[in-house]
Amino acid sequence: MKVLANDGISNAGIEALKKDNIEFVEAKVSQEHLADFINENQIDVLLVRSATKVRRDLIDACPGLKIVGRGGVGMDNIDVEYAIEKGLYVINTPKASSRSVAEMVFGHFLSLARFLHESNRMMPLEGDTQFKALKKSYSKAVELEGKTLGVVGFGGIGQEVLKIGIALGMKVKVLTRHPKTERLALQFFDGQSVSFEISSVQDWDAFLKDVDFLSLNTPKTKGYIIDTPQFEKMKDGIFIVNTARGGVLNEVALLEFIDSGKVAGAALDVFENEPTPELPLLMHPNLSLSPHLGGNTLDAQEKIGTELAQQIIDIKKKL
């Protein structure tokens, strides 16, 4: 069996494959030459992340493919149903990067709540001449403890966000389309564990009315789930972080509600026009921004690699 990880894979994943006598092909192939490369090198397994697309034309052009895998949660760049119809195994790693994304959420929340996103930009420019003025301008910071955290989405990432919120002493609530209850366990350094049973709500009005910090952790949606009607229902001074997908939140409306004072600050790790976000977003002082880094930690990449490798090894036994 031959594996091509066209968007890369961790060394831990490569070693796990090789240990099971699976050949790993070292290559990065452009989209237009990918089908020829797969066929010429008799590739059995194609692994991708977000860059490489696995559409119908590629699937049809590569009859020798047996497995298609995505290193991450979303499968937007793979025609999953068509691949399954054609007899391919389709795999992904829904939990491997959950903690990394959740920690990114709180990196942004803490940055917004303490004005770190802005002070980190202004201190190099004016710290030597406007120190006292800057200090005064950032004096209305808030703590997270005791505040209400609202999470839209109750998958692996949403659950990790809730767990961190609980650990910080926040009140938590979660919104889903259908009722869902999960038991979340917090593990501590000394072996102790504390569990919390959390049930979701489905009513936007009840969900939004007292949320201080809002995290979006849903799959890709066909339309906005946060638009003008939802912004209008929010508590004044809310902080929002989107690490889900571009297009989940209306960015134009977001700027309007930031400028009106309804939204105190927001963070975007994903964008509607990715990888070329709109300039008004990039320049706005009340936005904390990152270039789709949610799952990009060394820890997550190692988990992703080993999880993909194990799934391939398991499938190989069936073939």
Protein backbone atom coordinates (compact mmCIF):
# COMPACT_ATOMS: atom_id res chain seq x y z
CA MET A 1 0.00 0.00 0.00
CA LYS A 2 1.27 3.49 -0.94
CA VAL A 3 0.28 6.70 0.85
CA LEU A 4 0.57 10.26 -0.45
CA ALA A 5 0.00 13.01 2.13
CA ASN A 6 -0.19 15.87 -0.32
CA ASP A 7 -0.60 18.59 2.31
CA GLY A 8 1.86 17.03 4.74
CA ILE A 9 1.66 14.76 7.77
CA SER A 10 3.58 14.57 11.05
CA ASN A 11 6.67 12.42 11.43
CA ALA A 12 4.78 10.38 14.04
CA GLY A 13 2.21 9.49 11.40
CA ILE A 14 4.89 8.57 8.85
CA GLU A 15 6.69 6.34 11.33
CA ALA A 16 3.46 4.58 12.28
CA LEU A 17 2.76 3.82 8.60
CA LYS A 18 6.27 2.57 7.92
CA LYS A 19 6.17 0.40 11.02
CA ASP A 20 3.24 -1.44 9.44
CA ASN A 21 5.10 -1.82 6.13
CA ILE A 22 3.06 0.87 4.39
CA GLU A 23 5.05 2.89 1.87
CA PHE A 24 4.99 6.67 2.35
CA VAL A 25 5.57 8.69 -0.82
CA GLU A 26 7.36 11.98 -0.17
CA ALA A 27 5.86 14.52 -2.56
CA LYS A 28 3.84 17.72 -2.86
CA VAL A 29 1.95 17.71 -6.14
CA SER A 30 0.02 20.61 -7.69
CA GLN A 31 -3.72 20.12 -8.09
CA GLU A 32 -3.55 19.98 -11.91
CA HIS A 33 -0.90 17.23 -11.90
CA LEU A 34 -2.27 15.24 -8.98
CA ALA A 35 -4.32 12.67 -10.91
CA ASP A 36 -1.39 11.78 -13.19
CA PHE A 37 0.94 11.45 -10.20
CA ILE A 38 -1.48 9.18 -8.32
CA ASN A 39 -1.93 6.89 -11.32
CA GLU A 40 1.73 6.79 -12.36
CA ASN A 41 2.88 5.99 -8.82
CA GLN A 42 0.00 3.62 -8.01
CA ILE A 43 -1.06 5.58 -4.94
CA ASP A 44 -3.64 3.77 -2.80
CA VAL A 45 -4.22 6.43 -0.16
CA LEU A 46 -4.50 10.20 -0.63
CA LEU A 47 -4.33 12.32 2.52
CA VAL A 48 -5.09 16.03 2.39
CA ARG A 49 -5.69 18.95 4.70
CA SER A 50 -7.36 22.13 3.43
CA ALA A 51 -5.25 22.98 0.37
CA THR A 52 -5.78 19.95 -1.89
CA LYS A 53 -9.27 19.35 -3.30
CA VAL A 54 -10.67 15.87 -3.85
CA ARG A 55 -13.55 16.43 -6.24
CA ARG A 56 -15.46 14.10 -8.57
CA ASP A 57 -13.07 14.64 -11.46
CA LEU A 58 -10.08 13.53 -9.40
CA ILE A 59 -11.96 10.53 -7.98
CA ASP A 60 -13.05 9.46 -11.48
CA ALA A 61 -9.54 9.94 -12.86
CA CYS A 62 -7.95 7.75 -10.15
CA PRO A 63 -9.67 4.34 -10.10
CA GLY A 64 -6.83 2.82 -8.10
CA LEU A 65 -7.46 5.00 -5.04
CA LYS A 66 -8.81 3.07 -2.06
CA ILE A 67 -8.76 5.63 0.76
CA VAL A 68 -9.14 9.40 0.93
CA GLY A 69 -8.35 11.09 4.23
CA ARG A 70 -8.61 14.59 5.65
CA GLY A 71 -6.29 15.69 8.43
CA GLY A 72 -8.81 17.70 10.44
CA VAL A 73 -12.52 17.99 11.12
CA GLY A 74 -14.24 19.61 8.13
CA MET A 75 -14.58 17.70 4.85
CA ASP A 76 -15.50 20.71 2.69
CA ASN A 77 -12.73 20.01 0.18
CA ILE A 78 -13.72 16.36 -0.40
CA ASP A 79 -16.80 15.13 -2.28
CA VAL A 80 -17.46 12.65 0.49
CA GLU A 81 -20.73 11.08 -0.68
CA TYR A 82 -19.46 10.62 -4.22
CA ALA A 83 -16.24 9.02 -2.97
CA ILE A 84 -18.22 6.58 -0.84
CA GLU A 85 -20.49 5.79 -3.82
CA LYS A 86 -17.36 4.92 -5.78
CA GLY A 87 -16.28 2.48 -3.08
CA LEU A 88 -13.59 4.56 -1.40
CA TYR A 89 -13.03 4.70 2.33
CA VAL A 90 -13.20 8.29 3.57
CA ILE A 91 -11.54 9.10 6.88
CA ASN A 92 -10.83 12.20 8.96
CA THR A 93 -9.68 13.17 12.45
CA PRO A 94 -12.60 14.91 14.16
CA LYS A 95 -11.09 15.04 17.64
CA ALA A 96 -7.34 15.32 17.08
CA SER A 97 -7.25 19.12 16.86
CA SER A 98 -10.19 19.91 19.14
CA ARG A 99 -8.08 21.05 22.09
CA SER A 100 -5.84 23.22 19.92
CA VAL A 101 -8.83 25.03 18.42
CA ALA A 102 -10.43 25.47 21.85
CA GLU A 103 -7.24 26.98 23.26
CA MET A 104 -7.13 29.34 20.27
CA VAL A 105 -10.67 30.46 21.16
CA PHE A 106 -9.56 31.46 24.63
CA GLY A 107 -6.34 33.00 23.36
CA HIS A 108 -8.56 35.39 21.41
CA PHE A 109 -11.07 35.87 24.26
CA LEU A 110 -8.32 36.83 26.70
CA SER A 111 -6.67 39.05 24.13
CA LEU A 112 -9.93 40.90 23.49
CA ALA A 113 -10.97 41.15 27.13
CA ARG A 114 -7.60 42.69 28.09
CA PHE A 115 -7.05 44.72 24.89
CA LEU A 116 -3.88 42.74 24.17
CA HIS A 117 -4.68 42.56 20.44
CA GLU A 118 -4.56 46.37 20.25
CA SER A 119 -1.83 47.09 22.83
CA ASN A 120 0.49 44.66 21.06
CA ARG A 121 0.09 46.79 17.92
CA MET A 122 0.33 50.18 19.62
CA MET A 123 3.13 49.69 22.14
CA PRO A 124 5.86 49.36 19.47
CA LEU A 125 4.51 52.53 17.80
CA GLU A 126 3.69 54.76 20.77
CA GLY A 127 4.82 52.99 23.92
CA ASP A 128 7.79 55.29 24.43
CA THR A 129 5.80 58.53 24.01
CA GLN A 130 2.20 57.70 24.99
CA PHE A 131 2.65 55.12 27.75
CA LYS A 132 0.23 56.70 30.23
CA ALA A 133 -2.37 57.46 27.57
CA LEU A 134 -2.28 53.88 26.31
CA LYS A 135 -2.56 52.55 29.84
CA LYS A 136 -5.65 54.68 30.42
CA SER A 137 -7.25 53.66 27.12
CA TYR A 138 -6.99 49.97 28.04
CA SER A 139 -8.28 50.37 31.60
CA LYS A 140 -11.80 49.02 30.97
CA ALA A 141 -10.75 45.39 30.68
CA VAL A 142 -12.92 42.56 32.04
CA GLU A 143 -12.32 39.16 33.59
CA LEU A 144 -13.73 35.90 32.26
CA GLU A 145 -14.47 34.34 35.65
CA GLY A 146 -18.15 34.59 36.51
CA LYS A 147 -19.15 35.61 33.00
CA THR A 148 -21.44 33.55 30.75
CA LEU A 149 -19.88 31.61 27.90
CA GLY A 150 -22.16 30.66 25.04
CA VAL A 151 -21.06 28.02 22.55
CA VAL A 152 -22.82 27.38 19.23
CA GLY A 153 -22.12 23.75 18.36
CA PHE A 154 -21.64 20.73 20.60
CA GLY A 155 -19.07 18.63 18.74
CA GLY A 156 -15.55 17.84 19.89
CA ILE A 157 -14.33 21.44 19.63
CA GLY A 158 -17.43 22.90 21.29
CA GLN A 159 -17.03 20.47 24.17
CA GLU A 160 -13.39 21.43 24.67
CA VAL A 161 -14.32 25.13 24.64
CA LEU A 162 -16.94 24.47 27.31
CA LYS A 163 -14.45 22.54 29.45
CA ILE A 164 -11.95 25.39 29.39
CA GLY A 165 -14.72 27.85 30.22
CA ILE A 166 -15.77 25.74 33.20
CA ALA A 167 -12.14 25.52 34.36
CA LEU A 168 -11.95 29.33 34.26
CA GLY A 169 -15.03 29.64 36.46
CA MET A 170 -17.44 30.69 33.73
CA LYS A 171 -21.14 29.92 33.49
CA VAL A 172 -21.71 27.91 30.32
CA LYS A 173 -24.51 27.26 27.86
CA VAL A 174 -24.65 25.66 24.44
CA LEU A 175 -26.94 26.00 21.42
CA THR A 176 -27.70 23.19 18.95
CA ARG A 177 -30.38 22.54 16.35
CA HIS A 178 -31.50 19.37 18.16
CA PRO A 179 -31.49 18.61 21.90
CA LYS A 180 -28.24 17.07 23.06
CA THR A 181 -26.77 16.19 26.45
CA GLU A 182 -23.12 15.41 27.09
CA ARG A 183 -21.10 14.58 30.19
CA LEU A 184 -17.88 16.59 30.13
CA ALA A 185 -14.98 15.39 32.28
CA LEU A 186 -12.21 17.73 33.41
CA GLN A 187 -8.98 15.86 34.14
CA PHE A 188 -6.49 17.38 36.57
CA PHE A 189 -2.75 16.98 37.08
CA ASP A 190 -3.09 14.87 40.24
CA GLY A 191 -5.45 12.32 38.71
CA GLN A 192 -8.66 13.86 39.97
CA SER A 193 -11.59 14.25 37.59
CA VAL A 194 -14.76 16.30 37.80
CA SER A 195 -17.72 15.70 35.47
CA PHE A 196 -20.45 18.09 34.37
CA GLU A 197 -23.64 17.16 32.54
CA ILE A 198 -24.47 19.86 29.99
CA SER A 199 -27.68 19.99 27.95
CA SER A 200 -28.10 22.19 24.90
CA VAL A 201 -30.90 24.64 24.16
CA GLN A 202 -32.51 25.36 20.79
CA ASP A 203 -34.01 28.81 21.40
CA TRP A 204 -31.82 31.67 20.10
CA ASP A 205 -33.57 34.27 22.30
CA ALA A 206 -33.03 32.34 25.52
CA PHE A 207 -29.49 31.45 24.51
CA LEU A 208 -28.24 34.91 23.55
CA LYS A 209 -29.86 37.15 26.14
CA ASP A 210 -27.17 36.82 28.83
CA VAL A 211 -24.09 35.58 26.91
CA ASP A 212 -20.95 37.66 27.55
CA PHE A 213 -18.55 35.58 25.44
CA LEU A 214 -19.78 33.77 22.31
CA SER A 215 -17.81 31.03 20.52
CA LEU A 216 -18.86 29.65 17.14
CA ASN A 217 -17.88 26.01 16.71
CA THR A 218 -20.10 24.60 13.99
CA PRO A 219 -19.45 22.85 10.68
CA LYS A 220 -19.71 24.83 7.45
CA THR A 221 -23.24 26.15 6.88
CA LYS A 222 -25.15 27.12 3.74
CA GLY A 223 -25.97 30.55 5.14
CA TYR A 224 -25.15 32.79 8.07
CA ILE A 225 -26.11 31.55 11.50
CA ILE A 226 -25.04 34.87 13.01
CA ASP A 227 -26.61 37.76 11.12
CA THR A 228 -28.42 41.00 11.95
CA PRO A 229 -31.35 39.32 13.79
CA GLN A 230 -28.95 37.43 16.06
CA PHE A 231 -26.73 40.47 16.69
CA GLU A 232 -29.79 42.48 17.73
CA LYS A 233 -30.67 39.86 20.37
CA MET A 234 -27.20 39.89 21.93
CA LYS A 235 -26.28 41.49 25.21
CA ASP A 236 -24.48 44.83 24.86
CA GLY A 237 -20.71 44.48 25.18
CA ILE A 238 -20.51 40.87 23.98
CA PHE A 239 -17.23 39.35 22.75
CA ILE A 240 -17.38 36.93 19.79
CA VAL A 241 -14.85 34.44 18.42
CA ASN A 242 -15.29 32.54 15.15
CA THR A 243 -12.96 29.58 14.66
CA ALA A 244 -15.59 27.57 12.75
CA ARG A 245 -15.77 28.47 9.05
CA GLY A 246 -15.94 31.62 6.99
CA GLY A 247 -19.54 32.30 6.05
CA VAL A 248 -20.97 31.23 9.41
CA LEU A 249 -20.98 34.86 10.53
CA ASN A 250 -21.92 37.95 8.48
CA GLU A 251 -18.70 39.99 8.56
CA VAL A 252 -20.29 43.19 7.24
CA ALA A 253 -22.98 43.08 9.94
CA LEU A 254 -20.31 42.29 12.53
CA LEU A 255 -18.45 45.52 11.75
CA GLU A 256 -21.69 47.50 11.94
CA PHE A 257 -22.50 46.13 15.39
CA ILE A 258 -18.95 46.69 16.62
CA ASP A 259 -19.13 50.31 15.47
CA SER A 260 -22.52 50.73 17.17
CA GLY A 261 -21.09 49.44 20.46
CA LYS A 262 -23.31 46.35 20.64
CA VAL A 263 -20.27 44.08 20.14
CA ALA A 264 -17.28 45.05 22.31
CA GLY A 265 -14.83 43.06 20.22
CA ALA A 266 -14.55 40.03 17.99
CA ALA A 267 -11.94 37.59 16.77
CA LEU A 268 -11.79 35.86 13.42
CA ASP A 269 -9.59 32.88 12.64
CA VAL A 270 -11.60 32.12 9.49
CA PHE A 271 -12.94 34.44 6.81
CA GLU A 272 -15.58 34.58 4.09
CA ASN A 273 -12.97 35.56 1.49
CA GLU A 274 -10.17 33.32 2.67
CA PRO A 275 -7.27 33.57 1.91
CA THR A 276 -7.83 37.25 1.01
CA PRO A 277 -9.86 38.77 3.87
CA GLU A 278 -11.54 42.12 3.30
CA LEU A 279 -9.39 45.14 4.19
CA PRO A 280 -11.94 46.69 6.61
CA LEU A 281 -11.63 43.56 8.73
CA LEU A 282 -7.85 43.61 8.69
CA MET A 283 -7.71 47.27 9.72
CA HIS A 284 -10.40 47.35 12.42
CA PRO A 285 -8.97 48.02 15.92
CA ASN A 286 -11.69 45.98 17.66
CA LEU A 287 -10.86 42.77 15.84
CA SER A 288 -8.34 40.16 16.93
CA LEU A 289 -7.24 38.24 13.85
CA SER A 290 -5.33 35.07 12.97
CA PRO A 291 -4.83 33.30 9.61
CA HIS A 292 -6.82 30.08 10.16
CA LEU A 293 -4.50 28.73 12.84
CA GLY A 294 -7.05 26.87 14.97
CA GLY A 295 -5.63 23.37 14.68
CA ASN A 296 -2.08 24.39 13.82
CA THR A 297 -0.09 23.26 16.82
CA LEU A 298 2.67 20.69 16.94
CA ASP A 299 0.57 18.68 19.38
CA ALA A 300 -2.47 18.61 17.10
CA GLN A 301 -0.43 17.70 14.02
CA GLU A 302 1.10 14.76 15.85
CA LYS A 303 -2.33 13.55 16.96
CA ILE A 304 -3.71 13.99 13.43
CA GLY A 305 -0.84 12.04 11.87
CA THR A 306 -1.03 9.11 14.26
CA GLU A 307 -4.84 8.98 14.09
CA LEU A 308 -4.84 8.92 10.28
CA ALA A 309 -2.11 6.27 10.25
CA GLN A 310 -4.05 4.03 12.63
CA GLN A 311 -7.21 4.30 10.53
CA ILE A 312 -5.25 3.38 7.39
CA ILE A 313 -3.67 0.41 9.17
CA ASP A 314 -7.10 -0.77 10.32
CA ILE A 315 -8.59 -0.46 6.82
CA LYS A 316 -5.59 -2.25 5.28
CA LYS A 317 -6.50 -5.31 7.33
CA LYS A 318 -9.95 -5.35 5.68
CA LEU A 319 -8.71 -5.02 2.08
